[in-house]
Amino acid sequence: MMRVAIITLAAALAAAPAPALGNDTEANIAFGGLIFEKNDQISMDAEDLFLSLDLVRVRYTYTNHSSAPITLLVAFPLPAVPLEGRDPDWTEASYPDWNDISMETRVDGKPVGLMRIDIAKVAGVDVDKRLKDLGWPARHWEDPDFLARINALPEVERSALTAEGLLAMDEHEPGRVRPFWSVETSFVRTQTFPPGVPITVEHRYTPMQGGSVASALDRDIRGEALDPDSEYVTRFCVDEAFVRGYDRKRYRADGSVNDLVFPVENWIGYTLSPGANWRGPIKRFRLTVDKGYTDRLVSLCMDGLRKVSPTRFEVIKTDYEPDRDLDVLFVALTPIEGGQ
């Protein structure tokens, strides 16, 4: 097996949960793809993470504590698509073009190139060879004729491929099938960590936003939305202060809804948890979240955040061991033209 370090991304797709783009970790390339594991020789001395709807920027500092150079295959994994592989509402138009993120990577200030690897999986099992045997593309959404081709297969063959897990019945079009595998994409390169000499790795990219027009936070429907088990609470940690801020913008003084102010939600995600896979905790972790403009609301699950400017929030932690990933909710209550 080849030892690898993983540099993960976090991002979001429109009208879908946010794909995660995030932290470095080490892994093995083994059967079935990239397998994350701990590294006990290289520490993450610092992580400086900036999140906004327009830009994600992260800078890591590492030190190799062994007495010899360590060369690893470093990967930047992207979220599997379709997300969770089995979403019946997923359509071909929802698939991302990872070129749109405009990712840049630098090591000690110098730009580095990356190679793309795609791994097709069904229920976590690598099916790349099986797809090649069938003559099917892993990134099937890039082939405009693929859906027609699989639905033109004889019924007995479609049934066998459905039983195998490669196809599934299309819940929106009875009698038709759709692909049922997900694709995990990583951009990889080799990286040498010299002994005792800190190195800096920087990434920046444009996040792909998840989003929704209107909001379930309106008073007449928010009961279920703010249930303790809801995504607003468990994923974004929306609290009473956030709701009060929403109400100040959404409702008039007499309690009536201001129809001239329209809520729009966006969200992005970032995978923090692999940062716990290096030697010891992250010695210094700094998170900055910029909501873009003062009237936008923002919520995420991170204790200790404090406001440092009209649009920015920051937290600094020492000896930090991430135990969850980040999802950031932005809510804009935008006046409609002619509104107040």
Protein backbone atom coordinates (compact mmCIF):
# COMPACT_ATOMS: atom_id res chain seq x y z
CA MET A 1 0.00 0.00 0.00
CA MET A 2 1.10 3.57 -0.70
CA ARG A 3 0.89 5.93 2.25
CA VAL A 4 -0.89 9.19 1.51
CA ALA A 5 -1.84 12.40 3.21
CA ILE A 6 -5.29 13.71 2.39
CA ILE A 7 -6.21 17.36 2.04
CA THR A 8 -9.99 17.52 1.99
CA LEU A 9 -12.39 20.17 0.62
CA ALA A 10 -15.87 21.32 1.69
CA ALA A 11 -18.54 22.79 -0.56
CA ALA A 12 -22.24 22.86 -1.38
CA LEU A 13 -24.56 22.27 -4.30
CA ALA A 14 -27.70 24.25 -5.06
CA ALA A 15 -30.78 22.77 -3.38
CA ALA A 16 -28.73 19.91 -1.89
CA PRO A 17 -26.75 19.32 1.31
CA ALA A 18 -23.33 20.92 1.20
CA PRO A 19 -20.52 18.85 -0.21
CA ALA A 20 -17.64 18.98 2.18
CA LEU A 21 -14.22 20.39 1.25
CA GLY A 22 -11.80 20.34 4.35
CA ASN A 23 -8.82 19.26 6.45
CA ASP A 24 -5.60 17.36 5.83
CA THR A 25 -5.27 13.78 6.93
CA GLU A 26 -3.16 10.78 6.02
CA ALA A 27 -4.57 7.77 4.22
CA ASN A 28 -3.77 4.63 2.32
CA ILE A 29 -4.63 3.88 -1.29
CA ALA A 30 -6.04 0.39 -0.99
CA PHE A 31 -8.77 -1.66 -2.64
CA GLY A 32 -11.90 0.44 -2.58
CA GLY A 33 -10.13 3.78 -2.73
CA LEU A 34 -8.70 6.17 -0.15
CA ILE A 35 -8.75 4.90 3.44
CA PHE A 36 -8.10 7.53 6.12
CA GLU A 37 -5.77 6.75 8.98
CA LYS A 38 -3.69 8.55 11.59
CA ASN A 39 -0.12 9.78 11.14
CA ASP A 40 2.10 9.70 14.21
CA GLN A 41 5.16 11.45 12.76
CA ILE A 42 3.80 14.65 11.22
CA SER A 43 2.03 17.26 13.33
CA MET A 44 -0.34 19.99 12.21
CA ASP A 45 1.15 22.98 13.97
CA ALA A 46 -1.38 25.52 12.73
CA GLU A 47 -4.52 25.83 10.66
CA ASP A 48 -5.85 29.21 9.57
CA LEU A 49 -9.27 28.79 7.94
CA PHE A 50 -11.34 31.52 6.25
CA LEU A 51 -14.92 30.77 5.13
CA SER A 52 -17.30 32.90 3.10
CA LEU A 53 -19.85 32.33 0.36
CA ASP A 54 -17.34 33.57 -2.22
CA LEU A 55 -14.04 32.14 -0.98
CA VAL A 56 -12.59 29.38 1.15
CA ARG A 57 -8.95 29.83 2.09
CA VAL A 58 -6.94 27.59 4.41
CA ARG A 59 -3.29 27.60 5.41
CA TYR A 60 -1.70 24.64 7.24
CA THR A 61 1.73 24.40 8.85
CA TYR A 62 3.22 20.91 9.35
CA THR A 63 6.35 19.52 10.99
CA ASN A 64 7.90 16.11 10.40
CA HIS A 65 9.18 14.97 13.81
CA SER A 66 11.10 11.96 12.48
CA SER A 67 14.81 11.97 11.61
CA ALA A 68 14.32 11.37 7.87
CA PRO A 69 12.29 12.94 5.04
CA ILE A 70 8.80 11.48 4.54
CA THR A 71 7.32 11.50 1.04
CA LEU A 72 3.58 10.94 0.86
CA LEU A 73 0.96 11.02 -1.84
CA VAL A 74 -1.16 14.01 -0.87
CA ALA A 75 -4.78 14.10 -2.00
CA PHE A 76 -7.48 16.73 -1.95
CA PRO A 77 -10.73 14.71 -1.80
CA LEU A 78 -14.01 16.22 -2.91
CA PRO A 79 -17.45 15.08 -1.80
CA ALA A 80 -18.94 12.03 -3.45
CA VAL A 81 -21.58 12.81 -6.07
CA PRO A 82 -24.41 12.38 -6.06
CA LEU A 83 -24.33 13.21 -2.37
CA GLU A 84 -24.90 10.08 -0.32
CA GLY A 85 -25.36 8.29 -3.62
CA ARG A 86 -29.02 7.49 -3.15
CA ASP A 87 -30.95 10.76 -3.18
CA PRO A 88 -34.08 10.17 -5.32
CA ASP A 89 -34.37 13.90 -6.00
CA TRP A 90 -30.93 14.08 -7.60
CA THR A 91 -30.93 15.04 -11.28
CA GLU A 92 -28.17 15.13 -13.86
CA ALA A 93 -28.33 18.94 -13.80
CA SER A 94 -27.29 18.83 -10.13
CA TYR A 95 -23.89 17.30 -10.76
CA PRO A 96 -21.04 19.71 -10.08
CA ASP A 97 -18.24 20.70 -12.41
CA TRP A 98 -15.29 20.63 -10.06
CA ASN A 99 -13.40 22.94 -12.42
CA ASP A 100 -15.76 25.69 -11.25
CA ILE A 101 -14.13 25.83 -7.82
CA SER A 102 -10.93 27.34 -9.30
CA MET A 103 -8.79 25.56 -6.71
CA GLU A 104 -5.24 26.83 -6.15
CA THR A 105 -2.64 25.01 -4.05
CA ARG A 106 0.71 26.34 -2.87
CA VAL A 107 3.49 24.74 -0.83
CA ASP A 108 5.79 27.21 0.92
CA GLY A 109 4.35 29.86 -1.37
CA LYS A 110 5.01 28.01 -4.65
CA PRO A 111 2.11 26.80 -6.84
CA VAL A 112 1.80 23.03 -7.32
CA GLY A 113 -0.14 20.96 -9.84
CA LEU A 114 -2.62 18.22 -9.02
CA MET A 115 -3.76 15.05 -10.84
CA ARG A 116 -7.42 13.99 -10.81
CA ILE A 117 -8.59 10.54 -9.67
CA ASP A 118 -12.25 9.40 -9.87
CA ILE A 119 -13.47 6.32 -7.97
CA ALA A 120 -16.99 4.97 -8.61
CA LYS A 121 -18.61 3.20 -5.65
CA VAL A 122 -21.80 1.39 -4.75
CA ALA A 123 -22.45 1.08 -1.00
CA GLY A 124 -18.78 1.87 -0.39
CA VAL A 125 -17.46 -0.79 -2.80
CA ASP A 126 -15.24 0.20 -5.73
CA VAL A 127 -17.06 -0.59 -9.00
CA ASP A 128 -14.63 1.07 -11.43
CA LYS A 129 -13.58 -2.21 -13.07
CA ARG A 130 -17.18 -3.33 -13.44
CA LEU A 131 -18.11 -0.06 -15.15
CA LYS A 132 -15.14 -0.38 -17.51
CA ASP A 133 -16.23 -3.93 -18.38
CA LEU A 134 -19.67 -2.56 -19.26
CA GLY A 135 -18.18 0.32 -21.22
CA TRP A 136 -19.88 2.83 -18.93
CA PRO A 137 -18.34 6.14 -17.85
CA ALA A 138 -17.90 6.73 -14.13
CA ARG A 139 -18.93 10.37 -14.60
CA HIS A 140 -22.06 9.38 -16.49
CA TRP A 141 -23.65 12.82 -16.18
CA GLU A 142 -21.12 14.11 -18.71
CA ASP A 143 -22.58 11.77 -21.37
CA PRO A 144 -25.89 13.29 -22.57
CA ASP A 145 -26.95 9.96 -24.12
CA PHE A 146 -26.20 7.73 -21.14
CA LEU A 147 -29.70 7.68 -19.60
CA ALA A 148 -31.21 6.77 -22.95
CA ARG A 149 -28.63 3.99 -23.42
CA ILE A 150 -29.30 2.28 -20.10
CA ASN A 151 -33.06 2.57 -20.52
CA ALA A 152 -32.78 0.98 -23.97
CA LEU A 153 -31.26 -2.17 -22.45
CA PRO A 154 -33.43 -5.31 -22.44
CA GLU A 155 -35.64 -5.60 -19.37
CA VAL A 156 -33.86 -8.71 -18.12
CA GLU A 157 -30.50 -6.96 -18.30
CA ARG A 158 -31.77 -3.85 -16.55
CA SER A 159 -33.23 -6.03 -13.79
CA ALA A 160 -29.92 -7.84 -13.31
CA LEU A 161 -27.98 -4.57 -13.14
CA THR A 162 -30.52 -3.18 -10.67
CA ALA A 163 -30.13 -6.28 -8.48
CA GLU A 164 -26.36 -5.79 -8.71
CA GLY A 165 -26.78 -2.24 -7.37
CA LEU A 166 -25.49 -0.36 -10.40
CA LEU A 167 -28.95 0.86 -11.41
CA ALA A 168 -32.07 1.89 -9.51
CA MET A 169 -35.65 2.56 -10.46
CA ASP A 170 -36.29 6.22 -11.21
CA GLU A 171 -38.80 7.43 -8.61
CA HIS A 172 -39.82 10.35 -10.82
CA GLU A 173 -40.33 8.34 -14.01
CA PRO A 174 -41.89 4.92 -13.33
CA GLY A 175 -40.53 2.15 -15.52
CA ARG A 176 -37.20 3.91 -16.10
CA VAL A 177 -33.85 3.35 -14.39
CA ARG A 178 -31.05 5.67 -13.37
CA PRO A 179 -27.40 5.16 -12.34
CA PHE A 180 -27.01 4.25 -8.69
CA TRP A 181 -23.30 4.69 -8.04
CA SER A 182 -21.53 7.68 -6.55
CA VAL A 183 -18.17 9.05 -7.68
CA GLU A 184 -15.45 10.10 -5.26
CA THR A 185 -13.01 12.54 -6.83
CA SER A 186 -9.59 13.45 -5.46
CA PHE A 187 -6.83 15.68 -6.75
CA VAL A 188 -3.47 14.16 -5.81
CA ARG A 189 0.23 15.02 -5.75
CA THR A 190 3.37 13.88 -3.92
CA GLN A 191 4.74 15.89 -1.00
CA THR A 192 8.03 15.52 0.85
CA PHE A 193 8.09 16.57 4.52
CA PRO A 194 11.72 17.30 5.53
CA PRO A 195 12.71 16.36 9.09
CA GLY A 196 12.32 19.13 11.64
CA VAL A 197 11.52 21.85 9.09
CA PRO A 198 7.98 23.28 9.11
CA ILE A 199 6.27 23.53 5.72
CA THR A 200 3.18 25.53 4.79
CA VAL A 201 0.40 24.26 2.53
CA GLU A 202 -2.24 26.70 1.29
CA HIS A 203 -5.49 26.09 -0.58
CA ARG A 204 -8.05 28.52 -1.90
CA TYR A 205 -11.16 27.83 -3.92
CA THR A 206 -14.63 29.12 -4.70
CA PRO A 207 -17.21 27.13 -2.72
CA MET A 208 -20.24 25.67 -4.46
CA GLN A 209 -23.18 26.91 -2.44
CA GLY A 210 -26.24 25.05 -1.35
CA GLY A 211 -29.28 27.24 -1.30
CA SER A 212 -33.00 27.70 -0.99
CA VAL A 213 -35.39 30.45 -1.94
CA ALA A 214 -37.68 31.27 1.02
CA SER A 215 -37.11 29.87 4.49
CA ALA A 216 -38.71 27.47 6.94
CA LEU A 217 -37.88 29.94 9.71
CA ASP A 218 -41.04 32.00 9.15
CA ARG A 219 -43.20 32.06 12.27
CA ASP A 220 -46.12 30.13 10.85
CA ILE A 221 -44.00 27.11 9.88
CA ARG A 222 -40.93 27.24 12.11
CA GLY A 223 -42.16 24.82 14.78
CA GLU A 224 -40.89 21.70 13.06
CA ALA A 225 -37.90 23.55 11.56
CA LEU A 226 -36.62 24.40 15.04
CA ASP A 227 -37.25 20.97 16.53
CA PRO A 228 -34.11 19.86 18.46
CA ASP A 229 -33.54 17.10 15.88
CA SER A 230 -33.95 19.38 12.85
CA GLU A 231 -31.06 20.30 10.54
CA TYR A 232 -31.36 23.96 11.50
CA VAL A 233 -30.44 22.98 15.05
CA THR A 234 -28.21 19.91 14.66
CA ARG A 235 -26.33 21.04 11.54
CA PHE A 236 -26.24 24.83 11.89
CA CYS A 237 -26.91 25.39 15.64
CA VAL A 238 -29.57 28.03 14.95
CA ASP A 239 -30.46 29.55 18.34
CA GLU A 240 -32.91 32.06 19.82
CA ALA A 241 -30.64 35.04 19.08
CA PHE A 242 -30.51 34.05 15.41
CA VAL A 243 -34.32 33.70 15.29
CA ARG A 244 -34.77 37.12 16.92
CA GLY A 245 -32.51 38.64 14.28
CA TYR A 246 -34.55 36.91 11.57
CA ASP A 247 -37.80 38.23 13.03
CA ARG A 248 -36.53 41.82 13.22
CA LYS A 249 -35.90 41.76 9.48
CA ARG A 250 -38.85 39.61 8.36
CA TYR A 251 -41.70 41.16 10.41
CA ARG A 252 -43.07 44.62 10.99
CA ALA A 253 -43.47 46.17 14.44
CA ASP A 254 -47.11 45.03 14.61
CA GLY A 255 -46.05 41.39 14.02
CA SER A 256 -47.26 41.16 10.43
CA VAL A 257 -44.97 39.66 7.82
CA ASN A 258 -43.20 42.13 5.60
CA ASP A 259 -43.90 40.72 2.15
CA LEU A 260 -41.45 43.20 0.69
CA VAL A 261 -38.54 41.47 2.46
CA PHE A 262 -37.70 38.11 0.96
CA PRO A 263 -35.57 35.44 2.74
CA VAL A 264 -32.89 33.53 0.81
CA GLU A 265 -30.78 30.81 2.44
CA ASN A 266 -27.32 29.64 1.38
CA TRP A 267 -24.92 27.25 3.04
CA ILE A 268 -21.44 25.84 2.67
CA GLY A 269 -19.68 22.99 4.45
CA TYR A 270 -16.11 22.28 5.48
CA THR A 271 -14.66 18.97 6.67
CA LEU A 272 -12.70 19.61 9.88
CA SER A 273 -12.59 16.13 11.41
CA PRO A 274 -9.62 14.75 9.38
CA GLY A 275 -7.49 17.40 11.13
CA ALA A 276 -7.54 15.07 14.14
CA ASN A 277 -5.60 12.41 12.21
CA TRP A 278 -2.15 13.94 12.54
CA ARG A 279 0.29 13.60 15.44
CA GLY A 280 -1.42 15.17 18.43
CA PRO A 281 -4.00 17.98 18.25
CA ILE A 282 -3.86 21.02 15.97
CA LYS A 283 -1.56 23.25 18.00
CA ARG A 284 -3.17 26.52 16.87
CA PHE A 285 -6.49 26.70 15.05
CA ARG A 286 -8.01 29.93 13.81
CA LEU A 287 -11.41 30.16 12.11
CA THR A 288 -12.71 33.32 10.42
CA VAL A 289 -16.24 33.46 8.97
CA ASP A 290 -17.22 36.43 6.82
CA LYS A 291 -20.94 36.84 6.14
CA GLY A 292 -20.30 39.33 3.33
CA TYR A 293 -22.52 42.22 4.36
CA THR A 294 -23.91 43.45 7.64
CA ASP A 295 -27.60 42.61 7.08
CA ARG A 296 -26.94 38.92 6.38
CA LEU A 297 -27.42 36.44 9.26
CA VAL A 298 -24.95 33.59 9.85
CA SER A 299 -25.03 30.51 12.09
CA LEU A 300 -22.72 27.53 12.61
CA CYS A 301 -21.79 25.04 15.32
CA MET A 302 -18.55 26.42 16.80
CA ASP A 303 -18.19 27.58 20.37
CA GLY A 304 -16.17 30.68 21.21
CA LEU A 305 -16.92 32.68 18.05
CA ARG A 306 -16.73 36.43 18.59
CA LYS A 307 -17.50 39.34 16.30
CA VAL A 308 -14.31 41.10 15.15
CA SER A 309 -15.76 43.38 12.45
CA PRO A 310 -19.20 44.29 11.09
CA THR A 311 -19.16 41.16 8.89
CA ARG A 312 -16.54 38.85 10.43
CA PHE A 313 -16.52 36.35 13.29
CA GLU A 314 -13.42 34.63 14.65
CA VAL A 315 -12.31 31.97 17.09
CA ILE A 316 -8.80 30.86 18.03
CA LYS A 317 -8.19 27.52 19.75
CA THR A 318 -5.04 25.84 21.01
CA ASP A 319 -4.45 22.08 21.09
CA TYR A 320 -7.66 21.67 19.12
CA GLU A 321 -9.04 18.25 18.18
CA PRO A 322 -12.02 18.59 15.82
CA ASP A 323 -14.91 16.29 16.68
CA ARG A 324 -17.35 17.41 13.97
CA ASP A 325 -17.38 19.13 10.61
CA LEU A 326 -18.55 22.66 9.86
CA ASP A 327 -21.76 23.68 8.11
CA VAL A 328 -22.38 27.41 7.81
CA LEU A 329 -25.85 28.85 7.20
CA PHE A 330 -26.24 32.32 5.69
CA VAL A 331 -29.68 33.93 5.55
CA ALA A 332 -30.29 37.11 3.59
CA LEU A 333 -33.58 38.94 3.99
CA THR A 334 -33.46 40.96 0.82
CA PRO A 335 -35.85 43.86 0.16
CA ILE A 336 -37.82 43.37 -3.02
CA GLU A 337 -37.59 46.30 -5.43
CA GLY A 338 -39.79 49.01 -4.02
CA GLY A 339 -39.66 47.39 -0.54
CA GLN A 340 -38.80 49.11 2.71
